[in-house]
C-alpha atoms as a PDB file:
ATOM      1  CA  MET A   1     -33.594 -14.543 126.411  1.00  0.00           C
ATOM      2  CA  PRO A   2     -35.032 -16.408 123.662  1.00  0.00           C
ATOM      3  CA  SER A   3     -32.894 -18.598 121.199  1.00  0.00           C
ATOM      4  CA  ARG A   4     -32.455 -17.308 117.893  1.00  0.00           C
ATOM      5  CA  ARG A   5     -34.731 -18.714 114.978  1.00  0.00           C
ATOM      6  CA  ARG A   6     -33.066 -21.611 112.997  1.00  0.00           C
ATOM      7  CA  TRP A   7     -32.366 -20.746 109.273  1.00  0.00           C
ATOM      8  CA  PRO A   8     -34.474 -22.930 107.357  1.00  0.00           C
ATOM      9  CA  ASP A   9     -33.342 -25.685 105.163  1.00  0.00           C
ATOM     10  CA  GLU A  10     -34.697 -24.547 102.065  1.00  0.00           C
ATOM     11  CA  LEU A  11     -36.210 -21.191 100.597  1.00  0.00           C
ATOM     12  CA  PRO A  12     -37.782 -20.082  97.071  1.00  0.00           C
ATOM     13  CA  GLU A  13     -35.880 -19.434  94.607  1.00  0.00           C
ATOM     14  CA  VAL A  14     -37.378 -15.682  94.861  1.00  0.00           C
ATOM     15  CA  PHE A  15     -39.757 -14.609  97.537  1.00  0.00           C
ATOM     16  CA  ARG A  16     -41.609 -11.555  99.127  1.00  0.00           C
ATOM     17  CA  GLY A  17     -39.757 -11.117 102.399  1.00  0.00           C
ATOM     18  CA  SER A  18     -43.410 -10.116 104.176  1.00  0.00           C
ATOM     19  CA  ASP A  19     -44.901 -13.458 103.381  1.00  0.00           C
ATOM     20  CA  LEU A  20     -42.134 -15.552 104.748  1.00  0.00           C
ATOM     21  CA  VAL A  21     -41.932 -13.519 108.116  1.00  0.00           C
ATOM     22  CA  GLY A  22     -45.680 -13.589 108.433  1.00  0.00           C
ATOM     23  CA  ALA A  23     -45.581 -17.628 107.945  1.00  0.00           C
ATOM     24  CA  GLY A  24     -42.923 -17.580 110.735  1.00  0.00           C
ATOM     25  CA  VAL A  25     -40.246 -18.911 108.200  1.00  0.00           C
ATOM     26  CA  LEU A  26     -37.918 -16.019 108.398  1.00  0.00           C
ATOM     27  CA  THR A  27     -37.569 -12.852 111.200  1.00  0.00           C
ATOM     28  CA  PRO A  28     -37.191  -9.291 109.798  1.00  0.00           C
ATOM     29  CA  ALA A  29     -33.563  -9.731 111.202  1.00  0.00           C
ATOM     30  CA  GLN A  30     -32.954 -12.684 108.943  1.00  0.00           C
ATOM     31  CA  LEU A  31     -34.185 -10.883 106.093  1.00  0.00           C
ATOM     32  CA  ARG A  32     -30.747  -8.600 106.518  1.00  0.00           C
ATOM     33  CA  ASP A  33     -28.533 -11.688 106.343  1.00  0.00           C
ATOM     34  CA  GLY A  34     -25.970 -12.060 104.321  1.00  0.00           C
ATOM     35  CA  ARG A  35     -27.397 -15.337 102.741  1.00  0.00           C
ATOM     36  CA  LEU A  36     -30.060 -13.572 100.890  1.00  0.00           C
ATOM     37  CA  ARG A  37     -30.236 -10.951  98.363  1.00  0.00           C
ATOM     38  CA  ARG A  38     -32.527  -8.208  98.061  1.00  0.00           C
ATOM     39  CA  HIS A  39     -33.693  -7.184  94.515  1.00  0.00           C
ATOM     40  CA  PHE A  40     -36.003  -4.697  95.625  1.00  0.00           C
ATOM     41  CA  VAL A  41     -38.202  -3.313  98.727  1.00  0.00           C
ATOM     42  CA  ASP A  42     -39.727  -6.517  99.680  1.00  0.00           C
ATOM     43  CA  ALA A  43     -38.088  -8.950  96.952  1.00  0.00           C
ATOM     44  CA  TYR A  44     -35.471 -11.725  97.614  1.00  0.00           C
ATOM     45  CA  SER A  45     -33.860 -14.354  96.995  1.00  0.00           C
ATOM     46  CA  PRO A  46     -31.192 -16.865  98.269  1.00  0.00           C
ATOM     47  CA  ARG A  47     -27.295 -15.656  97.336  1.00  0.00           C
ATOM     48  CA  HIS A  48     -26.787 -19.267  96.104  1.00  0.00           C
ATOM     49  CA  VAL A  49     -29.458 -18.771  93.135  1.00  0.00           C
ATOM     50  CA  ARG A  50     -27.813 -17.466  90.123  1.00  0.00           C
ATOM     51  CA  HIS A  51     -28.551 -13.774  89.471  1.00  0.00           C
ATOM     52  CA  ASP A  52     -29.163 -12.995  86.287  1.00  0.00           C
ATOM     53  CA  HIS A  53     -32.047 -10.517  84.351  1.00  0.00           C
ATOM     54  CA  LEU A  54     -34.757 -13.321  84.766  1.00  0.00           C
ATOM     55  CA  LEU A  55     -34.280 -13.576  88.491  1.00  0.00           C
ATOM     56  CA  ASP A  56     -35.070  -9.933  88.632  1.00  0.00           C
ATOM     57  CA  CYS A  57     -37.788  -9.926  86.730  1.00  0.00           C
ATOM     58  CA  ARG A  58     -39.354 -12.595  88.740  1.00  0.00           C
ATOM     59  CA  ALA A  59     -38.840 -10.468  91.931  1.00  0.00           C
ATOM     60  CA  ALA A  60     -40.218  -7.494  90.148  1.00  0.00           C
ATOM     61  CA  ALA A  61     -43.691  -9.620  89.660  1.00  0.00           C
ATOM     62  CA  LEU A  62     -43.709 -10.089  93.069  1.00  0.00           C
ATOM     63  CA  VAL A  63     -43.770  -6.296  94.138  1.00  0.00           C
ATOM     64  CA  LEU A  64     -45.576  -4.660  91.300  1.00  0.00           C
ATOM     65  CA  PRO A  65     -49.418  -4.381  90.434  1.00  0.00           C
ATOM     66  CA  ARG A  66     -50.684  -6.915  88.382  1.00  0.00           C
ATOM     67  CA  THR A  67     -51.220  -4.158  85.884  1.00  0.00           C
ATOM     68  CA  ALA A  68     -47.777  -4.149  85.078  1.00  0.00           C
ATOM     69  CA  ARG A  69     -46.250  -6.461  82.248  1.00  0.00           C
ATOM     70  CA  LEU A  70     -42.727  -6.907  81.068  1.00  0.00           C
ATOM     71  CA  THR A  71     -41.868  -5.381  78.030  1.00  0.00           C
ATOM     72  CA  GLY A  72     -38.879  -4.222  76.325  1.00  0.00           C
ATOM     73  CA  ARG A  73     -35.199  -5.369  76.486  1.00  0.00           C
ATOM     74  CA  SER A  74     -36.546  -7.257  79.478  1.00  0.00           C
ATOM     75  CA  LEU A  75     -38.814  -9.466  77.564  1.00  0.00           C
ATOM     76  CA  ALA A  76     -36.473  -9.915  75.118  1.00  0.00           C
ATOM     77  CA  THR A  77     -33.918 -10.843  77.287  1.00  0.00           C
ATOM     78  CA  VAL A  78     -35.853 -13.446  79.205  1.00  0.00           C
ATOM     79  CA  ARG A  79     -36.856 -14.840  76.231  1.00  0.00           C
ATOM     80  CA  GLY A  80     -33.430 -15.270  74.779  1.00  0.00           C
ATOM     81  CA  VAL A  81     -32.050 -12.129  73.952  1.00  0.00           C
ATOM     82  CA  PRO A  82     -29.595 -11.305  75.988  1.00  0.00           C
ATOM     83  CA  LEU A  83     -29.499  -7.211  75.946  1.00  0.00           C
ATOM     84  CA  LEU A  84     -29.696  -7.300  80.035  1.00  0.00           C
ATOM     85  CA  ARG A  85     -27.971  -8.462  82.902  1.00  0.00           C
ATOM     86  CA  GLY A  86     -28.694  -9.447  86.566  1.00  0.00           C
ATOM     87  CA  GLY A  87     -28.896  -5.812  88.302  1.00  0.00           C
ATOM     88  CA  ASP A  88     -29.946  -4.142  85.042  1.00  0.00           C
ATOM     89  CA  ALA A  89     -33.390  -2.195  85.518  1.00  0.00           C
ATOM     90  CA  VAL A  90     -36.652  -4.202  84.667  1.00  0.00           C
ATOM     91  CA  GLU A  91     -38.776  -2.742  82.063  1.00  0.00           C
ATOM     92  CA  VAL A  92     -42.384  -2.711  82.356  1.00  0.00           C
ATOM     93  CA  VAL A  93     -45.281  -1.215  80.713  1.00  0.00           C
ATOM     94  CA  VAL A  94     -48.990  -0.193  82.535  1.00  0.00           C
ATOM     95  CA  ALA A  95     -51.901   1.783  81.089  1.00  0.00           C
ATOM     96  CA  GLN A  96     -51.205   5.680  81.609  1.00  0.00           C
ATOM     97  CA  ALA A  97     -53.554   6.054  83.683  1.00  0.00           C
ATOM     98  CA  ARG A  98     -52.651   3.512  86.323  1.00  0.00           C
ATOM     99  CA  ARG A  99     -48.952   4.254  86.105  1.00  0.00           C
ATOM    100  CA  ARG A 100     -47.105   4.837  89.688  1.00  0.00           C
ATOM    101  CA  PRO A 101     -43.211   5.534  90.325  1.00  0.00           C
ATOM    102  CA  GLY A 102     -41.931   1.934  90.743  1.00  0.00           C
ATOM    103  CA  PRO A 103     -39.649   0.410  93.036  1.00  0.00           C
ATOM    104  CA  ARG A 104     -35.559   1.342  92.695  1.00  0.00           C
ATOM    105  CA  GLY A 105     -34.386  -0.561  89.810  1.00  0.00           C
ATOM    106  CA  VAL A 106     -37.535  -1.109  87.986  1.00  0.00           C
ATOM    107  CA  LEU A 107     -38.182   1.248  84.983  1.00  0.00           C
ATOM    108  CA  VAL A 108     -42.320   1.921  84.270  1.00  0.00           C
ATOM    109  CA  ARG A 109     -43.384   3.411  81.076  1.00  0.00           C
ATOM    110  CA  GLY A 110     -47.139   4.320  80.520  1.00  0.00           C
ATOM    111  CA  VAL A 111     -49.567   3.371  77.729  1.00  0.00           C
ATOM    112  CA  SER A 112     -52.064   5.866  76.621  1.00  0.00           C
ATOM    113  CA  ARG A 113     -53.661   4.104  73.759  1.00  0.00           C
ATOM    114  CA  GLY A 114     -53.939   0.182  72.386  1.00  0.00           C
ATOM    115  CA  ASP A 115     -54.746  -3.204  74.909  1.00  0.00           C
ATOM    116  CA  LEU A 116     -51.691  -4.208  76.647  1.00  0.00           C
ATOM    117  CA  GLY A 117     -53.009  -8.174  76.418  1.00  0.00           C
ATOM    118  CA  THR A 118     -53.296 -10.882  78.778  1.00  0.00           C
ATOM    119  CA  ALA A 119     -50.294 -12.954  77.763  1.00  0.00           C
ATOM    120  CA  THR A 120     -47.640 -15.085  80.016  1.00  0.00           C
ATOM    121  CA  TRP A 121     -44.446 -16.211  79.879  1.00  0.00           C
ATOM    122  CA  ARG A 122     -43.245 -18.767  82.347  1.00  0.00           C
ATOM    123  CA  GLY A 123     -45.920 -17.220  84.663  1.00  0.00           C
ATOM    124  CA  LEU A 124     -44.921 -13.557  84.093  1.00  0.00           C
ATOM    125  CA  PRO A 125     -47.466 -11.134  82.512  1.00  0.00           C
ATOM    126  CA  VAL A 126     -45.810  -9.890  79.365  1.00  0.00           C
ATOM    127  CA  VAL A 127     -46.719  -7.158  76.737  1.00  0.00           C
ATOM    128  CA  SER A 128     -47.374  -8.616  72.635  1.00  0.00           C
ATOM    129  CA  PRO A 129     -44.475  -8.824  70.398  1.00  0.00           C
ATOM    130  CA  HIS A 130     -45.185  -5.440  68.419  1.00  0.00           C
ATOM    131  CA  ARG A 131     -45.316  -4.152  71.869  1.00  0.00           C
ATOM    132  CA  MET A 132     -42.520  -5.235  72.898  1.00  0.00           C
ATOM    133  CA  ALA A 133     -40.750  -4.354  69.877  1.00  0.00           C
ATOM    134  CA  PHE A 134     -42.130  -0.661  70.339  1.00  0.00           C
ATOM    135  CA  ASP A 135     -40.663  -0.496  73.570  1.00  0.00           C
ATOM    136  CA  LEU A 136     -37.297  -1.920  72.149  1.00  0.00           C
ATOM    137  CA  ALA A 137     -36.781   0.943  69.752  1.00  0.00           C
ATOM    138  CA  ALA A 138     -38.399   3.793  71.602  1.00  0.00           C
ATOM    139  CA  ARG A 139     -36.518   6.391  73.322  1.00  0.00           C
ATOM    140  CA  HIS A 140     -33.189   5.099  72.120  1.00  0.00           C
ATOM    141  CA  PRO A 141     -30.834   6.558  69.821  1.00  0.00           C
ATOM    142  CA  THR A 142     -31.622   5.209  66.231  1.00  0.00           C
ATOM    143  CA  GLU A 143     -28.589   3.003  66.059  1.00  0.00           C
ATOM    144  CA  VAL A 144     -29.193   1.430  69.499  1.00  0.00           C
ATOM    145  CA  ALA A 145     -33.087   1.104  68.767  1.00  0.00           C
ATOM    146  CA  VAL A 146     -31.866  -0.865  65.460  1.00  0.00           C
ATOM    147  CA  GLY A 147     -29.890  -2.978  66.919  1.00  0.00           C
ATOM    148  CA  HIS A 148     -32.137  -4.069  69.559  1.00  0.00           C
ATOM    149  CA  LEU A 149     -35.198  -4.725  66.775  1.00  0.00           C
ATOM    150  CA  ASP A 150     -32.302  -6.466  64.958  1.00  0.00           C
ATOM    151  CA  ALA A 151     -31.656  -8.820  67.689  1.00  0.00           C
ATOM    152  CA  ALA A 152     -35.292  -9.472  68.466  1.00  0.00           C
ATOM    153  CA  ALA A 153     -35.836 -10.347  64.869  1.00  0.00           C
ATOM    154  CA  ARG A 154     -32.857 -12.502  64.381  1.00  0.00           C
ATOM    155  CA  ALA A 155     -34.209 -14.571  67.296  1.00  0.00           C
ATOM    156  CA  ARG A 156     -37.543 -14.557  65.769  1.00  0.00           C
ATOM    157  CA  LEU A 157     -39.252 -12.990  68.908  1.00  0.00           C
ATOM    158  CA  VAL A 158     -41.007 -10.658  66.463  1.00  0.00           C
ATOM    159  CA  ASP A 159     -42.215 -10.522  63.002  1.00  0.00           C
ATOM    160  CA  VAL A 160     -40.708  -7.499  61.119  1.00  0.00           C
ATOM    161  CA  GLU A 161     -43.501  -6.715  58.590  1.00  0.00           C
ATOM    162  CA  GLY A 162     -46.273  -7.608  61.223  1.00  0.00           C
ATOM    163  CA  PHE A 163     -44.401  -4.458  63.146  1.00  0.00           C
ATOM    164  CA  ARG A 164     -44.209  -2.220  60.533  1.00  0.00           C
ATOM    165  CA  ARG A 165     -47.798  -2.661  59.509  1.00  0.00           C
ATOM    166  CA  TRP A 166     -48.901  -2.488  63.137  1.00  0.00           C
ATOM    167  CA  LEU A 167     -46.959   1.005  63.493  1.00  0.00           C
ATOM    168  CA  ASP A 168     -48.830   2.612  60.818  1.00  0.00           C
ATOM    169  CA  ASP A 169     -52.213   2.354  63.188  1.00  0.00           C
ATOM    170  CA  GLN A 170     -50.335   3.425  66.318  1.00  0.00           C
ATOM    171  CA  HIS A 171     -49.970   7.313  67.853  1.00  0.00           C
ATOM    172  CA  ASP A 172     -47.766   6.703  71.264  1.00  0.00           C
ATOM    173  CA  ASP A 173     -45.016   8.894  72.053  1.00  0.00           C
ATOM    174  CA  ASP A 174     -42.254   8.774  70.001  1.00  0.00           C
ATOM    175  CA  VAL A 175     -43.758   6.406  67.083  1.00  0.00           C
ATOM    176  CA  VAL A 176     -41.885   8.576  64.562  1.00  0.00           C
ATOM    177  CA  HIS A 177     -39.040   7.531  65.650  1.00  0.00           C
ATOM    178  CA  VAL A 178     -39.825   3.845  66.022  1.00  0.00           C
ATOM    179  CA  ARG A 179     -41.115   3.813  62.086  1.00  0.00           C
ATOM    180  CA  GLY A 180     -37.961   5.096  61.122  1.00  0.00           C
ATOM    181  CA  ALA A 181     -35.644   2.181  62.910  1.00  0.00           C
ATOM    182  CA  ALA A 182     -38.431  -0.304  61.841  1.00  0.00           C
ATOM    183  CA  ALA A 183     -37.441   0.616  58.316  1.00  0.00           C
ATOM    184  CA  LEU A 184     -33.867  -0.076  58.892  1.00  0.00           C
ATOM    185  CA  VAL A 185     -34.230  -3.449  60.685  1.00  0.00           C
ATOM    186  CA  ASP A 186     -32.223  -6.361  58.754  1.00  0.00           C
ATOM    187  CA  ALA A 187     -32.380 -10.036  60.869  1.00  0.00           C
ATOM    188  CA  ARG A 188     -29.103 -11.164  59.387  1.00  0.00           C
ATOM    189  CA  ALA A 189     -27.329  -9.003  61.548  1.00  0.00           C
ATOM    190  CA  GLU A 190     -25.199 -10.368  64.051  1.00  0.00           C
ATOM    191  CA  SER A 191     -24.329  -8.163  66.666  1.00  0.00           C
ATOM    192  CA  GLN A 192     -24.814  -4.415  68.359  1.00  0.00           C
ATOM    193  CA  PRO A 193     -21.855  -2.916  66.915  1.00  0.00           C
ATOM    194  CA  GLU A 194     -22.737  -4.574  63.170  1.00  0.00           C
ATOM    195  CA  SER A 195     -26.357  -2.869  62.935  1.00  0.00           C
ATOM    196  CA  ALA A 196     -24.736   0.823  64.377  1.00  0.00           C
ATOM    197  CA  VAL A 197     -22.322   0.383  61.562  1.00  0.00           C
ATOM    198  CA  ARG A 198     -24.650  -0.667  58.930  1.00  0.00           C
ATOM    199  CA  VAL A 199     -27.425   2.305  60.267  1.00  0.00           C
ATOM    200  CA  ARG A 200     -24.706   4.722  59.811  1.00  0.00           C
ATOM    201  CA  LEU A 201     -23.599   3.941  56.271  1.00  0.00           C
ATOM    202  CA  VAL A 202     -27.082   3.130  55.152  1.00  0.00           C
ATOM    203  CA  ARG A 203     -27.911   6.804  56.267  1.00  0.00           C
ATOM    204  CA  ALA A 204     -24.808   8.131  54.487  1.00  0.00           C
ATOM    205  CA  GLY A 205     -26.109   6.923  50.699  1.00  0.00           C
ATOM    206  CA  PHE A 206     -24.395   3.099  51.113  1.00  0.00           C
ATOM    207  CA  ASP A 207     -25.721   0.085  49.666  1.00  0.00           C
ATOM    208  CA  VAL A 208     -25.222  -2.337  52.368  1.00  0.00           C
ATOM    209  CA  THR A 209     -25.234  -6.222  52.816  1.00  0.00           C
ATOM    210  CA  PRO A 210     -25.209  -7.664  56.306  1.00  0.00           C
ATOM    211  CA  GLN A 211     -22.825 -11.256  56.551  1.00  0.00           C
ATOM    212  CA  HIS A 212     -22.305 -11.386  52.502  1.00  0.00           C
ATOM    213  CA  GLU A 213     -20.666 -14.802  51.606  1.00  0.00           C
ATOM    214  CA  VAL A 214     -18.118 -13.725  49.173  1.00  0.00           C
ATOM    215  CA  ARG A 215     -17.241 -16.939  46.832  1.00  0.00           C
ATOM    216  CA  THR A 216     -14.813 -16.599  44.069  1.00  0.00           C
ATOM    217  CA  GLY A 217     -15.394 -19.550  41.151  1.00  0.00           C
ATOM    218  CA  GLY A 218     -17.921 -21.085  43.486  1.00  0.00           C
ATOM    219  CA  ARG A 219     -15.487 -21.905  46.350  1.00  0.00           C
ATOM    220  CA  PHE A 220     -16.303 -20.004  49.490  1.00  0.00           C
ATOM    221  CA  VAL A 221     -13.811 -17.442  50.867  1.00  0.00           C
ATOM    222  CA  ALA A 222     -15.657 -15.871  54.017  1.00  0.00           C
ATOM    223  CA  ARG A 223     -18.274 -14.469  55.480  1.00  0.00           C
ATOM    224  CA  VAL A 224     -18.187 -10.201  56.012  1.00  0.00           C
ATOM    225  CA  ASP A 225     -19.870  -8.352  58.429  1.00  0.00           C
ATOM    226  CA  LEU A 226     -21.263  -6.121  55.346  1.00  0.00           C
ATOM    227  CA  ALA A 227     -20.313  -5.845  52.334  1.00  0.00           C
ATOM    228  CA  LEU A 228     -20.650  -3.129  49.215  1.00  0.00           C
ATOM    229  CA  VAL A 229     -21.097  -5.952  47.026  1.00  0.00           C
ATOM    230  CA  ALA A 230     -21.136  -4.188  43.517  1.00  0.00           C
ATOM    231  CA  LEU A 231     -17.941  -2.867  44.808  1.00  0.00           C
ATOM    232  CA  ARG A 232     -16.270  -5.704  46.476  1.00  0.00           C
ATOM    233  CA  ILE A 233     -15.739  -3.944  49.402  1.00  0.00           C
ATOM    234  CA  ALA A 234     -15.985  -5.567  52.956  1.00  0.00           C
ATOM    235  CA  VAL A 235     -16.712  -3.369  56.076  1.00  0.00           C
ATOM    236  CA  GLU A 236     -15.457  -5.655  59.361  1.00  0.00           C
ATOM    237  CA  TYR A 237     -16.129  -4.829  63.233  1.00  0.00           C
ATOM    238  CA  GLU A 238     -13.129  -5.111  65.363  1.00  0.00           C
ATOM    239  CA  GLY A 239     -14.798  -8.151  67.212  1.00  0.00           C
ATOM    240  CA  ARG A 240     -13.705 -10.093  63.887  1.00  0.00           C
ATOM    241  CA  TRP A 241     -10.030  -9.219  64.006  1.00  0.00           C
ATOM    242  CA  ARG A 242      -9.262  -9.567  67.876  1.00  0.00           C
ATOM    243  CA  THR A 243      -6.630 -11.966  68.538  1.00  0.00           C
ATOM    244  CA  LEU A 244      -8.070 -14.268  71.736  1.00  0.00           C
ATOM    245  CA  VAL A 245      -6.639 -17.975  71.600  1.00  0.00           C
ATOM    246  CA  GLU A 246      -3.207 -18.600  70.375  1.00  0.00           C
ATOM    247  CA  GLY A 247      -3.015 -19.411  66.378  1.00  0.00           C
ATOM    248  CA  GLN A 248      -5.925 -16.673  66.016  1.00  0.00           C
ATOM    249  CA  LEU A 249      -3.889 -13.835  64.696  1.00  0.00           C
ATOM    250  CA  SER A 250      -2.710 -16.148  61.734  1.00  0.00           C
ATOM    251  CA  GLN A 251      -6.092 -17.279  60.925  1.00  0.00           C
ATOM    252  CA  ASP A 252      -7.120 -13.934  60.640  1.00  0.00           C
ATOM    253  CA  ARG A 253      -4.403 -13.241  58.380  1.00  0.00           C
ATOM    254  CA  LEU A 254      -5.179 -15.961  56.405  1.00  0.00           C
ATOM    255  CA  ARG A 255      -8.700 -14.616  55.899  1.00  0.00           C
ATOM    256  CA  LEU A 256      -7.696 -11.519  54.949  1.00  0.00           C
ATOM    257  CA  ASP A 257      -5.318 -12.321  52.379  1.00  0.00           C
ATOM    258  CA  ALA A 258      -7.910 -15.021  50.998  1.00  0.00           C
ATOM    259  CA  LEU A 259     -10.206 -11.722  50.469  1.00  0.00           C
ATOM    260  CA  ARG A 260      -7.252  -9.687  49.007  1.00  0.00           C
ATOM    261  CA  GLU A 261      -6.580 -12.088  46.642  1.00  0.00           C
ATOM    262  CA  ALA A 262     -10.276 -12.571  45.512  1.00  0.00           C
ATOM    263  CA  GLY A 263      -9.742  -8.838  45.165  1.00  0.00           C
ATOM    264  CA  TRP A 264     -11.568  -7.568  47.818  1.00  0.00           C
ATOM    265  CA  VAL A 265     -10.787  -4.116  50.154  1.00  0.00           C
ATOM    266  CA  VAL A 266     -11.270  -4.764  53.662  1.00  0.00           C
ATOM    267  CA  VAL A 267     -12.210  -1.521  55.930  1.00  0.00           C
ATOM    268  CA  HIS A 268     -11.609  -2.283  59.453  1.00  0.00           C
ATOM    269  CA  VAL A 269     -13.783  -0.556  61.809  1.00  0.00           C
ATOM    270  CA  THR A 270     -12.881  -0.029  65.798  1.00  0.00           C
ATOM    271  CA  ALA A 271     -14.989   0.440  68.671  1.00  0.00           C
ATOM    272  CA  GLU A 272     -12.876   3.869  68.479  1.00  0.00           C
ATOM    273  CA  LEU A 273     -14.103   4.780  65.279  1.00  0.00           C
ATOM    274  CA  LEU A 274     -17.660   3.906  65.758  1.00  0.00           C
ATOM    275  CA  ARG A 275     -17.274   6.531  68.574  1.00  0.00           C
ATOM    276  CA  GLN A 276     -15.963   9.419  66.270  1.00  0.00           C
ATOM    277  CA  PRO A 277     -18.850  11.022  64.508  1.00  0.00           C
ATOM    278  CA  GLY A 278     -18.479  10.293  60.757  1.00  0.00           C
ATOM    279  CA  ALA A 279     -15.274   8.669  60.848  1.00  0.00           C
ATOM    280  CA  VAL A 280     -16.871   5.045  59.438  1.00  0.00           C
ATOM    281  CA  GLU A 281     -18.720   6.864  56.872  1.00  0.00           C
ATOM    282  CA  ASP A 282     -14.805   8.847  55.841  1.00  0.00           C
ATOM    283  CA  ALA A 283     -13.332   5.312  56.082  1.00  0.00           C
ATOM    284  CA  VAL A 284     -15.793   3.727  53.287  1.00  0.00           C
ATOM    285  CA  ARG A 285     -15.576   6.770  51.138  1.00  0.00           C
ATOM    286  CA  ARG A 286     -11.787   6.465  50.921  1.00  0.00           C
ATOM    287  CA  ALA A 287     -12.625   2.517  50.077  1.00  0.00           C
ATOM    288  CA  VAL A 288     -14.682   3.570  47.521  1.00  0.00           C
ATOM    289  CA  ALA A 289     -12.491   6.061  46.459  1.00  0.00           C
ATOM    290  CA  GLN A 290      -9.587   3.592  46.238  1.00  0.00           C
ATOM    291  CA  ARG A 291     -11.900   0.979  44.322  1.00  0.00           C
ATOM    292  CA  THR A 292     -13.453   3.547  41.645  1.00  0.00           C
ATOM    293  CA  ALA A 293      -9.631   5.013  41.029  1.00  0.00           C
ATOM    294  CA  ALA A 294      -8.046   1.458  40.394  1.00  0.00           C
END
C-alpha cells in the first residue's frame, strides 16, 4: 500500500492547485485538506495566511483570463480604501467582446468602449483611476456611489475634477448616473453614512459643509460632520456619540454643551433615522424652523 505524501514544509501564499499537483508538491486529496482555503476553483491559499480582500484578488488573478483587470471596490480596497473584506466578490472588468461568466465569487463587467490600459499594481492587472472611479459609482444607488467616490477622493486615488472631465467623453451604460454621483463628490467626507446624509440634504436643497470646524472668539469648539454654517446647525451621524469606552459619554456631553454654548443647534442622525425615507431631511427642516423662529 503506497504511503501518504508528506505535507510540504512551505507553500506559496496563494497558488493554483493544479500547478502544485502537477509539480508533485501536493496530491489531489491534499487540496481538500482543512489546512488549505479554496478561494475559487483551482485557487488556494494556506489557512494560516491572513484572509483579506487582497488575497482574494491575488487568487482571482491566477484563474481569470489575462484580459481581466481589477476595478471598482476591489481596486480601491487593495489600494487602501477598505470597501470590501475577505470573502467578498472580486470586481474585474474586461472588454465586452471577451466577457465570459467568471467563477463564483468574481463579478465580471464588460466595457464596450475605451482602452482598459496595461497598468499593474503589485503584480495585479488593474484599470486606470478614472475607470476604477466609474465602477465605484456605476450600478450603485446614488448615496452609495457618492460614498464610494468620496472615500476614493479622500485617499487621493482619483482626481475628481479630472474624472468629471473624463466622463464627458464616456458613453458606457449608466454614465448619466455616474455623472450625477461625480457632481456630488466631496473629499472632506469621512464615512459612508456621512456621505449618505449629505447627499440627502443637498438633494433637499440644503447648503451643507462637511467636517466644519466650529470656532467662537477664535477658539476651537468642535469639528462637526456636516454644518449649515449660516444657520449654525450641526448634523452629526450617530457614530460621533456612541459610548464605546468609559468616559466617552461625559466627553460627548461636554462637546455637545460646548456647541450649544457657542449658539449651535445639533441634529443627531441615527442608523434607524437614515433607514427612513425623508426622515433626515425632516429633522433638519425642524432645526431650521427652530432657528429661524428664534
